[in-house]
Protein backbone atom coordinates (compact mmCIF):
# COMPACT_ATOMS: atom_id res chain seq x y z
CA UNK A 1 38.29 64.84 225.24
CA UNK A 2 40.56 64.09 222.45
CA UNK A 3 44.16 63.10 223.04
CA UNK A 4 46.82 65.43 221.91
CA UNK A 5 50.04 64.46 220.19
CA UNK A 6 51.98 65.02 223.55
CA UNK A 7 49.58 62.42 225.28
CA UNK A 8 50.47 59.77 222.69
CA UNK A 9 54.26 60.48 222.85
CA UNK A 10 53.95 60.37 226.68
CA UNK A 11 52.31 57.06 226.63
CA UNK A 12 54.84 55.62 224.18
CA UNK A 13 57.61 56.54 226.27
CA UNK A 14 56.05 55.17 229.29
CA UNK A 15 55.51 51.74 227.63
CA UNK A 16 59.15 51.75 226.33
CA UNK A 17 60.39 52.50 229.99
CA UNK A 18 58.21 49.61 231.40
CA UNK A 19 59.71 47.32 228.70
CA UNK A 20 63.24 48.32 229.57
CA UNK A 21 62.79 47.96 233.24
CA UNK A 22 61.29 44.56 232.63
CA UNK A 23 64.22 43.46 230.72
CA UNK A 24 66.77 44.86 233.11
CA UNK A 25 64.86 42.99 235.90
CA UNK A 26 64.96 39.71 233.95
CA UNK A 27 68.72 40.23 233.38
CA UNK A 28 69.48 40.94 236.86
CA UNK A 29 67.71 37.79 238.06
CA UNK A 30 69.53 35.64 235.61
CA UNK A 31 72.94 37.12 236.71
CA UNK A 32 71.99 36.34 240.34
CA UNK A 33 70.93 32.77 239.49
CA UNK A 34 74.12 32.16 237.42
CA UNK A 35 76.25 33.56 240.46
CA UNK A 36 74.35 31.04 242.74
CA UNK A 37 74.98 28.24 240.56
CA UNK A 38 78.59 29.04 240.12
CA UNK A 39 79.00 29.33 243.97
CA UNK A 40 77.07 26.02 244.32
CA UNK A 41 79.09 24.03 241.90
CA UNK A 42 82.40 25.38 242.64
CA UNK A 43 82.59 25.66 246.34
CA UNK A 44 86.35 24.41 246.48
CA UNK A 45 87.66 27.35 244.58
CA UNK A 46 88.39 30.69 246.32
CA UNK A 47 86.24 33.84 245.87
CA UNK A 48 88.90 35.36 243.45
CA UNK A 49 88.89 32.13 241.08
CA UNK A 50 84.99 31.86 241.39
CA UNK A 51 84.56 35.43 240.48
CA UNK A 52 86.85 35.06 237.47
CA UNK A 53 84.99 31.96 236.21
CA UNK A 54 81.80 33.92 236.68
CA UNK A 55 83.04 36.87 234.72
CA UNK A 56 84.06 34.59 231.92
CA UNK A 57 80.61 32.94 231.95
CA UNK A 58 78.96 36.38 231.73
CA UNK A 59 81.07 37.66 229.10
CA UNK A 60 80.14 34.77 226.87
CA UNK A 61 76.44 35.56 227.11
């Protein structure tokens, strides 16, 4: 059975969604790793100072 135009559009959208979710997952893992790195390297600072430093690092990405 031949694929219709609708089938091709659906497959294309599905591939794009999978790619977007993959990139979001990678970004999420990167931010978590960066957060753990900052917490490990700067234990002497309070939570507010550490959160500020983390937000500055994330804004530079």
